[in-house]
Amino acid sequence: MSMAGATELRADCTVDAHGRITFGLRLDSALRPQLLLRLRPKKGQPEQVVHLIDLEPAEDGSRRAVLDPEPGLAEGRWDAYLLREPGEERLRLRPGLRDQRTLVDGHTRDRQSPVAVRIPYATKDGYLAVRAWLRTAHSEAGAIDVTDRSMTVAARLHGASLGEGAAVLLRQRGAAGVVQTLEPRAGGDDRDFSFTVDHQELVAAGGTGNSVWDIFLLPAAGAPRIRVGRLLDDLADRKEIFVYPAVTVGGVSLRPYYTIDNDLSVEVKRTPS
């Protein structure tokens, strides 16, 4: 098959409620085909991690590969390829049908530690990949209410529970030791909580320049901090989709936003005089 034809190979994906992903391909001929998932290396770094799954014959004549929920994939972006034979040149796959309905309400199901998330998606250049997160615990952001004076965030903890000394930490990026500490308001159980960020206080704490504040939860005194973000649905990249309005306080603009890793932060920009 020519490389032009190879780039049009498409794989369907179905995700079940347990996080299992089934890939389906229709192949004209292949004796021992495999699905290869490659952890995309950081820029300038060599490829190090791949995951191979046999493509087994299915009743409808297609080939199926099943990525089980465990073990969890390492955190990052995994590009999908076809190997028609072990050791042959790998062929990049494009996405076919993606059934991710079970992921839409994923935030309503409690997760145990470690919290593993995998979301199939189409890359910017139209290829199939899987976005994976693997965290000891996770704090899932819910509704965010932005007013002129403050920002209130509702969240739920997964893989851990709130205990004595719990706190929400806003850490100024690039400024070691600059941290705003807030007291979380507990919800109906030891996992639900909310917190409110006062805009004036955040502006005063940030000094005279622009700043970004990353948000963490300390579930109990002495416990490891947990990044607050939104991972438990069907969106692999939400930064450009969930865009919140900016609020101006004394010539300073503030807005919450999701980072490229779907973590929650607050951007503070000062208007040039």
C-alpha atoms as a PDB file:
ATOM      1  CA  MET A   1       0.000   0.000   0.000  1.00  0.00           C
ATOM      2  CA  SER A   2       1.315   3.476  -0.841  1.00  0.00           C
ATOM      3  CA  MET A   3       1.942   5.986   1.915  1.00  0.00           C
ATOM      4  CA  ALA A   4      -0.871   8.167   0.524  1.00  0.00           C
ATOM      5  CA  GLY A   5      -3.291   5.272   0.966  1.00  0.00           C
ATOM      6  CA  ALA A   6      -1.842   4.340   4.328  1.00  0.00           C
ATOM      7  CA  THR A   7      -2.610   7.753   5.797  1.00  0.00           C
ATOM      8  CA  GLU A   8      -6.316   7.152   5.091  1.00  0.00           C
ATOM      9  CA  LEU A   9      -6.526   4.071   7.315  1.00  0.00           C
ATOM     10  CA  ARG A  10      -9.262   4.790   9.846  1.00  0.00           C
ATOM     11  CA  ALA A  11      -9.973   3.284  13.249  1.00  0.00           C
ATOM     12  CA  ASP A  12     -13.319   3.464  15.028  1.00  0.00           C
ATOM     13  CA  CYS A  13     -13.248   3.886  18.815  1.00  0.00           C
ATOM     14  CA  THR A  14     -15.798   2.931  21.459  1.00  0.00           C
ATOM     15  CA  VAL A  15     -15.275   3.798  25.129  1.00  0.00           C
ATOM     16  CA  ASP A  16     -17.245   2.013  27.850  1.00  0.00           C
ATOM     17  CA  ALA A  17     -18.139   3.238  31.334  1.00  0.00           C
ATOM     18  CA  HIS A  18     -15.076   1.532  32.842  1.00  0.00           C
ATOM     19  CA  GLY A  19     -12.637   3.353  30.533  1.00  0.00           C
ATOM     20  CA  ARG A  20     -12.052   0.394  28.210  1.00  0.00           C
ATOM     21  CA  ILE A  21     -11.399   1.508  24.609  1.00  0.00           C
ATOM     22  CA  THR A  22     -12.191  -0.794  21.683  1.00  0.00           C
ATOM     23  CA  PHE A  23     -10.543   0.078  18.360  1.00  0.00           C
ATOM     24  CA  GLY A  24     -12.018  -1.291  15.128  1.00  0.00           C
ATOM     25  CA  LEU A  25     -10.330  -1.374  11.698  1.00  0.00           C
ATOM     26  CA  ARG A  26     -11.227  -2.886   8.339  1.00  0.00           C
ATOM     27  CA  LEU A  27      -8.130  -4.281   6.644  1.00  0.00           C
ATOM     28  CA  ASP A  28      -7.862  -5.749   3.164  1.00  0.00           C
ATOM     29  CA  SER A  29      -5.085  -8.150   4.139  1.00  0.00           C
ATOM     30  CA  ALA A  30      -2.950  -8.579   7.228  1.00  0.00           C
ATOM     31  CA  LEU A  31      -1.707 -11.763   8.873  1.00  0.00           C
ATOM     32  CA  ARG A  32      -0.750 -10.539  12.348  1.00  0.00           C
ATOM     33  CA  PRO A  33      -1.810  -6.902  12.607  1.00  0.00           C
ATOM     34  CA  GLN A  34      -1.252  -4.868  15.760  1.00  0.00           C
ATOM     35  CA  LEU A  35      -2.355  -1.506  17.048  1.00  0.00           C
ATOM     36  CA  LEU A  36       0.602   0.567  18.238  1.00  0.00           C
ATOM     37  CA  LEU A  37       0.162   3.466  20.644  1.00  0.00           C
ATOM     38  CA  ARG A  38       3.203   5.708  20.950  1.00  0.00           C
ATOM     39  CA  LEU A  39       3.662   8.137  23.838  1.00  0.00           C
ATOM     40  CA  ARG A  40       4.489  11.392  22.075  1.00  0.00           C
ATOM     41  CA  PRO A  41       7.909  12.547  23.303  1.00  0.00           C
ATOM     42  CA  LYS A  42       8.638  16.087  24.353  1.00  0.00           C
ATOM     43  CA  LYS A  43      10.145  18.288  21.654  1.00  0.00           C
ATOM     44  CA  GLY A  44      13.718  17.278  20.916  1.00  0.00           C
ATOM     45  CA  GLN A  45      13.495  14.083  22.979  1.00  0.00           C
ATOM     46  CA  PRO A  46      13.702  10.526  21.563  1.00  0.00           C
ATOM     47  CA  GLU A  47      10.728   8.182  21.481  1.00  0.00           C
ATOM     48  CA  GLN A  48      10.797   5.914  24.528  1.00  0.00           C
ATOM     49  CA  VAL A  49       7.403   4.343  25.263  1.00  0.00           C
ATOM     50  CA  VAL A  50       5.094   2.317  22.995  1.00  0.00           C
ATOM     51  CA  HIS A  51       2.151   0.030  23.740  1.00  0.00           C
ATOM     52  CA  LEU A  52       1.205  -2.840  21.379  1.00  0.00           C
ATOM     53  CA  ILE A  53      -2.192  -4.568  21.190  1.00  0.00           C
ATOM     54  CA  ASP A  54      -3.061  -7.446  18.847  1.00  0.00           C
ATOM     55  CA  LEU A  55      -5.882  -6.786  16.365  1.00  0.00           C
ATOM     56  CA  GLU A  56      -8.130  -9.846  16.596  1.00  0.00           C
ATOM     57  CA  PRO A  57     -10.747 -10.910  14.000  1.00  0.00           C
ATOM     58  CA  ALA A  58     -14.313  -9.825  14.832  1.00  0.00           C
ATOM     59  CA  GLU A  59     -17.634 -11.363  13.726  1.00  0.00           C
ATOM     60  CA  ASP A  60     -18.348  -8.529  11.268  1.00  0.00           C
ATOM     61  CA  GLY A  61     -15.072  -9.111   9.424  1.00  0.00           C
ATOM     62  CA  SER A  62     -13.211  -6.228  10.991  1.00  0.00           C
ATOM     63  CA  ARG A  63     -10.259  -6.363  13.349  1.00  0.00           C
ATOM     64  CA  ARG A  64     -10.573  -5.310  16.995  1.00  0.00           C
ATOM     65  CA  ALA A  65      -8.010  -4.218  19.574  1.00  0.00           C
ATOM     66  CA  VAL A  66      -9.052  -3.651  23.188  1.00  0.00           C
ATOM     67  CA  LEU A  67      -7.208  -1.261  25.480  1.00  0.00           C
ATOM     68  CA  ASP A  68      -8.183  -2.370  28.984  1.00  0.00           C
ATOM     69  CA  PRO A  69      -8.594   0.151  31.840  1.00  0.00           C
ATOM     70  CA  GLU A  70      -5.593  -1.297  33.676  1.00  0.00           C
ATOM     71  CA  PRO A  71      -2.765  -0.740  33.690  1.00  0.00           C
ATOM     72  CA  GLY A  72      -3.270   2.986  33.106  1.00  0.00           C
ATOM     73  CA  LEU A  73      -1.387   4.692  30.305  1.00  0.00           C
ATOM     74  CA  ALA A  74       1.323   7.134  31.340  1.00  0.00           C
ATOM     75  CA  GLU A  75       0.154  10.744  31.284  1.00  0.00           C
ATOM     76  CA  GLY A  76       0.516  12.362  27.883  1.00  0.00           C
ATOM     77  CA  ARG A  77      -0.624  12.062  24.257  1.00  0.00           C
ATOM     78  CA  TRP A  78      -0.501   8.652  22.570  1.00  0.00           C
ATOM     79  CA  ASP A  79      -0.468   8.567  18.755  1.00  0.00           C
ATOM     80  CA  ALA A  80      -2.143   5.571  17.090  1.00  0.00           C
ATOM     81  CA  TYR A  81      -0.546   3.453  14.329  1.00  0.00           C
ATOM     82  CA  LEU A  82      -1.178   0.191  12.521  1.00  0.00           C
ATOM     83  CA  LEU A  83       1.449  -2.537  12.172  1.00  0.00           C
ATOM     84  CA  ARG A  84       0.325  -4.970   9.471  1.00  0.00           C
ATOM     85  CA  GLU A  85       3.050  -7.366  10.632  1.00  0.00           C
ATOM     86  CA  PRO A  86       5.303  -7.227  13.696  1.00  0.00           C
ATOM     87  CA  GLY A  87       8.449  -5.342  12.772  1.00  0.00           C
ATOM     88  CA  GLU A  88       6.986  -3.732   9.639  1.00  0.00           C
ATOM     89  CA  GLU A  89       6.764  -0.006   9.024  1.00  0.00           C
ATOM     90  CA  ARG A  90       4.020   1.541  11.135  1.00  0.00           C
ATOM     91  CA  LEU A  91       1.176   3.411   9.446  1.00  0.00           C
ATOM     92  CA  ARG A  92      -0.477   6.431  11.068  1.00  0.00           C
ATOM     93  CA  LEU A  93      -4.217   6.066  11.674  1.00  0.00           C
ATOM     94  CA  ARG A  94      -6.971   8.599  11.173  1.00  0.00           C
ATOM     95  CA  PRO A  95     -10.074   8.602  13.403  1.00  0.00           C
ATOM     96  CA  GLY A  96     -13.248   6.921  12.202  1.00  0.00           C
ATOM     97  CA  LEU A  97     -16.423   6.875  14.280  1.00  0.00           C
ATOM     98  CA  ARG A  98     -15.826   7.727  17.940  1.00  0.00           C
ATOM     99  CA  ASP A  99     -18.481   6.627  20.431  1.00  0.00           C
ATOM    100  CA  GLN A 100     -17.603   8.463  23.645  1.00  0.00           C
ATOM    101  CA  ARG A 101     -21.086   8.888  25.098  1.00  0.00           C
ATOM    102  CA  THR A 102     -20.103   7.166  28.339  1.00  0.00           C
ATOM    103  CA  LEU A 103     -17.495   9.863  28.989  1.00  0.00           C
ATOM    104  CA  VAL A 104     -19.899  12.817  28.887  1.00  0.00           C
ATOM    105  CA  ASP A 105     -21.130  12.307  32.464  1.00  0.00           C
ATOM    106  CA  GLY A 106     -17.858  10.835  33.746  1.00  0.00           C
ATOM    107  CA  HIS A 107     -17.644  13.478  36.472  1.00  0.00           C
ATOM    108  CA  THR A 108     -20.710  11.918  38.150  1.00  0.00           C
ATOM    109  CA  ARG A 109     -18.876   8.632  38.882  1.00  0.00           C
ATOM    110  CA  ASP A 110     -16.455   8.518  41.789  1.00  0.00           C
ATOM    111  CA  ARG A 111     -12.930   7.352  40.950  1.00  0.00           C
ATOM    112  CA  GLN A 112     -10.507   5.479  43.165  1.00  0.00           C
ATOM    113  CA  SER A 113      -6.751   6.040  43.335  1.00  0.00           C
ATOM    114  CA  PRO A 114      -4.978   6.088  40.950  1.00  0.00           C
ATOM    115  CA  VAL A 115      -7.294   8.181  38.787  1.00  0.00           C
ATOM    116  CA  ALA A 116      -6.759   7.083  35.166  1.00  0.00           C
ATOM    117  CA  VAL A 117      -8.388   8.917  32.254  1.00  0.00           C
ATOM    118  CA  ARG A 118      -8.102   8.141  28.519  1.00  0.00           C
ATOM    119  CA  ILE A 119      -9.910  10.113  25.785  1.00  0.00           C
ATOM    120  CA  PRO A 120      -9.587   9.301  22.044  1.00  0.00           C
ATOM    121  CA  TYR A 121      -9.427  12.447  19.908  1.00  0.00           C
ATOM    122  CA  ALA A 122      -8.435  13.832  16.511  1.00  0.00           C
ATOM    123  CA  THR A 123      -5.159  15.761  16.431  1.00  0.00           C
ATOM    124  CA  LYS A 124      -4.930  19.176  14.769  1.00  0.00           C
ATOM    125  CA  ASP A 125      -3.587  17.495  11.613  1.00  0.00           C
ATOM    126  CA  GLY A 126      -6.397  14.938  11.573  1.00  0.00           C
ATOM    127  CA  TYR A 127      -4.841  11.797  13.052  1.00  0.00           C
ATOM    128  CA  LEU A 128      -6.042   9.510  15.825  1.00  0.00           C
ATOM    129  CA  ALA A 129      -4.558   9.841  19.289  1.00  0.00           C
ATOM    130  CA  VAL A 130      -5.455   9.114  22.909  1.00  0.00           C
ATOM    131  CA  ARG A 131      -5.075  11.749  25.628  1.00  0.00           C
ATOM    132  CA  ALA A 132      -4.182  10.127  28.958  1.00  0.00           C
ATOM    133  CA  TRP A 133      -3.967  11.343  32.532  1.00  0.00           C
ATOM    134  CA  LEU A 134      -2.725   9.215  35.432  1.00  0.00           C
ATOM    135  CA  ARG A 135      -2.793  10.846  38.857  1.00  0.00           C
ATOM    136  CA  THR A 136      -2.740   9.558  42.426  1.00  0.00           C
ATOM    137  CA  ALA A 137      -5.769  11.766  43.117  1.00  0.00           C
ATOM    138  CA  HIS A 138      -7.682  14.387  41.187  1.00  0.00           C
ATOM    139  CA  SER A 139      -9.852  17.394  42.030  1.00  0.00           C
ATOM    140  CA  GLU A 140     -12.516  17.802  39.318  1.00  0.00           C
ATOM    141  CA  ALA A 141     -13.694  21.383  38.748  1.00  0.00           C
ATOM    142  CA  GLY A 142     -17.398  21.846  38.139  1.00  0.00           C
ATOM    143  CA  ALA A 143     -19.396  25.039  37.824  1.00  0.00           C
ATOM    144  CA  ILE A 144     -17.417  28.302  37.884  1.00  0.00           C
ATOM    145  CA  ASP A 145     -19.319  31.475  38.794  1.00  0.00           C
ATOM    146  CA  VAL A 146     -17.503  34.693  37.898  1.00  0.00           C
ATOM    147  CA  THR A 147     -18.764  38.029  39.253  1.00  0.00           C
ATOM    148  CA  ASP A 148     -17.264  41.523  39.388  1.00  0.00           C
ATOM    149  CA  ARG A 149     -15.806  40.833  42.838  1.00  0.00           C
ATOM    150  CA  SER A 150     -14.974  37.146  42.980  1.00  0.00           C
ATOM    151  CA  MET A 151     -14.824  33.731  41.346  1.00  0.00           C
ATOM    152  CA  THR A 152     -16.497  30.723  43.005  1.00  0.00           C
ATOM    153  CA  VAL A 153     -15.553  27.191  41.948  1.00  0.00           C
ATOM    154  CA  ALA A 154     -17.406  23.997  42.830  1.00  0.00           C
ATOM    155  CA  ALA A 155     -15.321  20.812  42.741  1.00  0.00           C
ATOM    156  CA  ARG A 156     -15.233  17.146  43.750  1.00  0.00           C
ATOM    157  CA  LEU A 157     -12.274  15.129  44.989  1.00  0.00           C
ATOM    158  CA  HIS A 158     -11.475  11.711  43.462  1.00  0.00           C
ATOM    159  CA  GLY A 159      -8.994   9.206  44.855  1.00  0.00           C
ATOM    160  CA  ALA A 160      -8.818  10.904  48.266  1.00  0.00           C
ATOM    161  CA  SER A 161     -11.028  12.519  50.921  1.00  0.00           C
ATOM    162  CA  LEU A 162     -11.076  15.910  52.613  1.00  0.00           C
ATOM    163  CA  GLY A 163      -9.588  15.908  56.100  1.00  0.00           C
ATOM    164  CA  GLU A 164      -8.436  18.193  58.894  1.00  0.00           C
ATOM    165  CA  GLY A 165      -6.408  21.133  57.625  1.00  0.00           C
ATOM    166  CA  ALA A 166      -7.696  21.008  54.033  1.00  0.00           C
ATOM    167  CA  ALA A 167      -6.899  24.133  52.019  1.00  0.00           C
ATOM    168  CA  VAL A 168      -7.051  25.525  48.503  1.00  0.00           C
ATOM    169  CA  LEU A 169      -3.741  26.939  47.308  1.00  0.00           C
ATOM    170  CA  LEU A 170      -3.281  29.484  44.520  1.00  0.00           C
ATOM    171  CA  ARG A 171       0.396  29.461  43.562  1.00  0.00           C
ATOM    172  CA  GLN A 172       1.822  32.237  41.409  1.00  0.00           C
ATOM    173  CA  ARG A 173       3.571  30.621  38.483  1.00  0.00           C
ATOM    174  CA  GLY A 174       7.276  31.428  38.297  1.00  0.00           C
ATOM    175  CA  ALA A 175       7.338  33.063  41.729  1.00  0.00           C
ATOM    176  CA  ALA A 176       8.562  30.587  44.331  1.00  0.00           C
ATOM    177  CA  GLY A 177       6.770  30.914  47.638  1.00  0.00           C
ATOM    178  CA  VAL A 178       4.029  33.289  46.481  1.00  0.00           C
ATOM    179  CA  VAL A 179       0.863  31.436  47.517  1.00  0.00           C
ATOM    180  CA  GLN A 180      -2.676  32.479  48.380  1.00  0.00           C
ATOM    181  CA  THR A 181      -4.381  30.113  50.842  1.00  0.00           C
ATOM    182  CA  LEU A 182      -8.177  29.733  50.896  1.00  0.00           C
ATOM    183  CA  GLU A 183     -10.432  27.663  53.112  1.00  0.00           C
ATOM    184  CA  PRO A 184     -12.604  25.203  51.162  1.00  0.00           C
ATOM    185  CA  ARG A 185     -16.283  24.944  52.026  1.00  0.00           C
ATOM    186  CA  ALA A 186     -17.229  21.280  52.432  1.00  0.00           C
ATOM    187  CA  GLY A 187     -20.268  19.988  50.558  1.00  0.00           C
ATOM    188  CA  GLY A 188     -22.559  17.056  51.232  1.00  0.00           C
ATOM    189  CA  ASP A 189     -19.763  14.544  51.897  1.00  0.00           C
ATOM    190  CA  ASP A 190     -15.982  14.397  52.334  1.00  0.00           C
ATOM    191  CA  ARG A 191     -15.363  14.839  48.591  1.00  0.00           C
ATOM    192  CA  ASP A 192     -17.515  17.796  47.509  1.00  0.00           C
ATOM    193  CA  PHE A 193     -16.198  21.279  48.201  1.00  0.00           C
ATOM    194  CA  SER A 194     -16.162  24.818  46.844  1.00  0.00           C
ATOM    195  CA  PHE A 195     -13.986  27.893  47.238  1.00  0.00           C
ATOM    196  CA  THR A 196     -14.124  31.592  46.401  1.00  0.00           C
ATOM    197  CA  VAL A 197     -11.270  33.713  45.041  1.00  0.00           C
ATOM    198  CA  ASP A 198     -11.511  37.409  45.921  1.00  0.00           C
ATOM    199  CA  HIS A 199     -10.352  39.411  42.899  1.00  0.00           C
ATOM    200  CA  GLN A 200      -9.002  42.361  44.880  1.00  0.00           C
ATOM    201  CA  GLU A 201      -6.935  40.107  47.150  1.00  0.00           C
ATOM    202  CA  LEU A 202      -5.451  38.247  44.192  1.00  0.00           C
ATOM    203  CA  VAL A 203      -4.524  41.491  42.430  1.00  0.00           C
ATOM    204  CA  ALA A 204      -2.830  42.789  45.587  1.00  0.00           C
ATOM    205  CA  ALA A 205      -0.855  39.566  46.045  1.00  0.00           C
ATOM    206  CA  GLY A 206       0.459  39.498  42.485  1.00  0.00           C
ATOM    207  CA  GLY A 207       2.747  42.512  42.605  1.00  0.00           C
ATOM    208  CA  THR A 208       2.969  45.021  39.750  1.00  0.00           C
ATOM    209  CA  GLY A 209       3.260  42.746  36.713  1.00  0.00           C
ATOM    210  CA  ASN A 210       1.137  40.199  34.902  1.00  0.00           C
ATOM    211  CA  SER A 211       0.767  36.825  36.592  1.00  0.00           C
ATOM    212  CA  VAL A 212      -0.787  33.366  36.342  1.00  0.00           C
ATOM    213  CA  TRP A 213      -2.065  31.530  39.403  1.00  0.00           C
ATOM    214  CA  ASP A 214      -2.291  27.725  39.368  1.00  0.00           C
ATOM    215  CA  ILE A 215      -4.926  26.193  41.660  1.00  0.00           C
ATOM    216  CA  PHE A 216      -4.299  23.198  43.944  1.00  0.00           C
ATOM    217  CA  LEU A 217      -6.178  21.418  46.696  1.00  0.00           C
ATOM    218  CA  LEU A 218      -4.413  20.318  49.869  1.00  0.00           C
ATOM    219  CA  PRO A 219      -6.875  17.598  50.991  1.00  0.00           C
ATOM    220  CA  ALA A 220      -5.503  17.492  54.552  1.00  0.00           C
ATOM    221  CA  ALA A 221      -2.624  18.957  56.543  1.00  0.00           C
ATOM    222  CA  GLY A 222       0.637  17.396  55.370  1.00  0.00           C
ATOM    223  CA  ALA A 223      -0.945  15.621  52.360  1.00  0.00           C
ATOM    224  CA  PRO A 224       0.406  16.046  48.811  1.00  0.00           C
ATOM    225  CA  ARG A 225      -1.309  18.854  46.931  1.00  0.00           C
ATOM    226  CA  ILE A 226      -3.673  17.960  44.096  1.00  0.00           C
ATOM    227  CA  ARG A 227      -4.113  20.023  40.932  1.00  0.00           C
ATOM    228  CA  VAL A 228      -7.639  21.318  40.313  1.00  0.00           C
ATOM    229  CA  GLY A 229      -8.757  20.709  36.735  1.00  0.00           C
ATOM    230  CA  ARG A 230     -11.413  19.158  34.549  1.00  0.00           C
ATOM    231  CA  LEU A 231     -10.609  15.752  33.064  1.00  0.00           C
ATOM    232  CA  LEU A 232     -13.671  13.561  33.576  1.00  0.00           C
ATOM    233  CA  ASP A 233     -15.668  14.022  30.387  1.00  0.00           C
ATOM    234  CA  ASP A 234     -15.205  13.584  26.628  1.00  0.00           C
ATOM    235  CA  LEU A 235     -13.054  16.656  25.878  1.00  0.00           C
ATOM    236  CA  ALA A 236      -9.356  15.980  25.349  1.00  0.00           C
ATOM    237  CA  ASP A 237      -8.560  19.696  24.977  1.00  0.00           C
ATOM    238  CA  ARG A 238     -10.815  22.267  26.578  1.00  0.00           C
ATOM    239  CA  LYS A 239      -8.635  25.415  26.627  1.00  0.00           C
ATOM    240  CA  GLU A 240     -10.193  26.922  23.499  1.00  0.00           C
ATOM    241  CA  ILE A 241     -13.688  25.542  24.185  1.00  0.00           C
ATOM    242  CA  PHE A 242     -14.369  26.648  27.781  1.00  0.00           C
ATOM    243  CA  VAL A 243     -13.587  30.369  27.634  1.00  0.00           C
ATOM    244  CA  TYR A 244     -14.648  32.442  30.631  1.00  0.00           C
ATOM    245  CA  PRO A 245     -15.241  36.213  30.621  1.00  0.00           C
ATOM    246  CA  ALA A 246     -12.596  38.529  31.971  1.00  0.00           C
ATOM    247  CA  VAL A 247     -13.380  40.878  34.857  1.00  0.00           C
ATOM    248  CA  THR A 248     -11.643  44.248  35.271  1.00  0.00           C
ATOM    249  CA  VAL A 249     -10.699  45.410  38.755  1.00  0.00           C
ATOM    250  CA  GLY A 250      -8.943  48.785  38.995  1.00  0.00           C
ATOM    251  CA  GLY A 251      -7.389  48.499  35.564  1.00  0.00           C
ATOM    252  CA  VAL A 252      -6.438  44.836  36.062  1.00  0.00           C
ATOM    253  CA  SER A 253      -8.071  42.042  34.058  1.00  0.00           C
ATOM    254  CA  LEU A 254      -8.709  38.635  35.646  1.00  0.00           C
ATOM    255  CA  ARG A 255     -10.139  35.461  34.138  1.00  0.00           C
ATOM    256  CA  PRO A 256     -10.140  31.738  34.960  1.00  0.00           C
ATOM    257  CA  TYR A 257      -8.985  29.428  32.172  1.00  0.00           C
ATOM    258  CA  TYR A 258      -8.035  25.826  31.490  1.00  0.00           C
ATOM    259  CA  THR A 259      -4.415  25.131  30.587  1.00  0.00           C
ATOM    260  CA  ILE A 260      -3.233  22.820  27.778  1.00  0.00           C
ATOM    261  CA  ASP A 261      -3.340  20.033  30.391  1.00  0.00           C
ATOM    262  CA  ASN A 262      -6.981  20.871  31.298  1.00  0.00           C
ATOM    263  CA  ASP A 263      -5.881  22.203  34.701  1.00  0.00           C
ATOM    264  CA  LEU A 264      -7.548  25.303  36.154  1.00  0.00           C
ATOM    265  CA  SER A 265      -5.628  28.568  36.516  1.00  0.00           C
ATOM    266  CA  VAL A 266      -6.348  32.289  36.826  1.00  0.00           C
ATOM    267  CA  GLU A 267      -4.741  34.856  34.519  1.00  0.00           C
ATOM    268  CA  VAL A 268      -4.088  38.375  35.817  1.00  0.00           C
ATOM    269  CA  LYS A 269      -3.192  41.090  33.280  1.00  0.00           C
ATOM    270  CA  ARG A 270      -2.485  44.708  34.004  1.00  0.00           C
ATOM    271  CA  THR A 271      -3.619  47.280  31.469  1.00  0.00           C
ATOM    272  CA  PRO A 272      -0.698  49.355  30.113  1.00  0.00           C
ATOM    273  CA  SER A 273      -0.918  52.932  31.352  1.00  0.00           C
END
